[in-house]
């Protein structure tokens, strides 16, 4: 079971990296609605910050 969980963790980490890359590529062309996301002004990418917190 432990080996299976480690494999799943690796797959999820890779998927997370792919999603972060996709968000970063999309972000310059996207209008990010910051009124619904409570983040400080110093954060460059509120969507990415929320992903990293999870």
C-alpha atoms as a PDB file:
ATOM      1  CA  UNK A   1       0.000   0.000   0.000  1.00  0.00           C
ATOM      2  CA  UNK A   2       2.836   2.376   0.874  1.00  0.00           C
ATOM      3  CA  UNK A   3       4.472   1.977  -2.552  1.00  0.00           C
ATOM      4  CA  UNK A   4       1.119   2.556  -4.254  1.00  0.00           C
ATOM      5  CA  UNK A   5       0.571   5.759  -2.277  1.00  0.00           C
ATOM      6  CA  UNK A   6       4.070   6.979  -3.134  1.00  0.00           C
ATOM      7  CA  UNK A   7       3.329   6.371  -6.823  1.00  0.00           C
ATOM      8  CA  UNK A   8       0.052   8.292  -6.556  1.00  0.00           C
ATOM      9  CA  UNK A   9       1.842  11.147  -4.756  1.00  0.00           C
ATOM     10  CA  UNK A  10       4.422  11.372  -7.555  1.00  0.00           C
ATOM     11  CA  UNK A  11       1.686  11.417 -10.200  1.00  0.00           C
ATOM     12  CA  UNK A  12      -0.185  14.150  -8.327  1.00  0.00           C
ATOM     13  CA  UNK A  13       2.985  16.234  -7.929  1.00  0.00           C
ATOM     14  CA  UNK A  14       3.615  16.009 -11.676  1.00  0.00           C
ATOM     15  CA  UNK A  15       0.005  16.924 -12.435  1.00  0.00           C
ATOM     16  CA  UNK A  16       0.247  19.896 -10.049  1.00  0.00           C
ATOM     17  CA  UNK A  17       3.397  21.106 -11.811  1.00  0.00           C
ATOM     18  CA  UNK A  18       1.657  20.836 -15.195  1.00  0.00           C
ATOM     19  CA  UNK A  19      -1.334  22.815 -13.899  1.00  0.00           C
ATOM     20  CA  UNK A  20       0.931  25.508 -12.448  1.00  0.00           C
ATOM     21  CA  UNK A  21       2.744  25.798 -15.788  1.00  0.00           C
ATOM     22  CA  UNK A  22      -0.593  26.025 -17.601  1.00  0.00           C
ATOM     23  CA  UNK A  23      -1.786  28.764 -15.252  1.00  0.00           C
ATOM     24  CA  UNK A  24       1.440  30.692 -15.676  1.00  0.00           C
ATOM     25  CA  UNK A  25       1.190  30.497 -19.472  1.00  0.00           C
ATOM     26  CA  UNK A  26      -2.460  31.524 -19.406  1.00  0.00           C
ATOM     27  CA  UNK A  27      -2.150  34.286 -16.791  1.00  0.00           C
ATOM     28  CA  UNK A  28      -0.753  37.053 -19.087  1.00  0.00           C
ATOM     29  CA  UNK A  29      -3.751  36.760 -21.414  1.00  0.00           C
ATOM     30  CA  UNK A  30      -6.330  36.301 -18.676  1.00  0.00           C
ATOM     31  CA  UNK A  31      -8.139  38.903 -16.609  1.00  0.00           C
ATOM     32  CA  UNK A  32      -7.893  37.654 -13.048  1.00  0.00           C
ATOM     33  CA  UNK A  33     -10.811  38.656 -10.861  1.00  0.00           C
ATOM     34  CA  UNK A  34      -9.156  39.593  -7.609  1.00  0.00           C
ATOM     35  CA  UNK A  35     -12.352  40.879  -6.009  1.00  0.00           C
ATOM     36  CA  UNK A  36     -13.390  37.305  -5.194  1.00  0.00           C
ATOM     37  CA  UNK A  37      -9.940  36.245  -3.973  1.00  0.00           C
ATOM     38  CA  UNK A  38      -8.685  37.826  -0.771  1.00  0.00           C
ATOM     39  CA  UNK A  39      -4.960  38.263  -1.425  1.00  0.00           C
ATOM     40  CA  UNK A  40      -2.432  40.961  -0.643  1.00  0.00           C
ATOM     41  CA  UNK A  41      -1.401  43.263  -3.493  1.00  0.00           C
ATOM     42  CA  UNK A  42       2.158  41.952  -3.303  1.00  0.00           C
ATOM     43  CA  UNK A  43       1.159  38.584  -4.792  1.00  0.00           C
ATOM     44  CA  UNK A  44       1.793  38.411  -8.520  1.00  0.00           C
ATOM     45  CA  UNK A  45      -0.534  35.512  -9.296  1.00  0.00           C
ATOM     46  CA  UNK A  46      -3.443  34.962  -6.877  1.00  0.00           C
ATOM     47  CA  UNK A  47      -4.524  31.723  -8.575  1.00  0.00           C
ATOM     48  CA  UNK A  48      -1.060  30.229  -8.269  1.00  0.00           C
ATOM     49  CA  UNK A  49      -0.805  31.317  -4.633  1.00  0.00           C
ATOM     50  CA  UNK A  50      -4.085  29.581  -3.845  1.00  0.00           C
ATOM     51  CA  UNK A  51      -2.858  26.392  -5.520  1.00  0.00           C
ATOM     52  CA  UNK A  52       0.369  26.427  -3.530  1.00  0.00           C
ATOM     53  CA  UNK A  53      -1.528  26.772  -0.244  1.00  0.00           C
ATOM     54  CA  UNK A  54      -3.388  23.504  -0.870  1.00  0.00           C
END
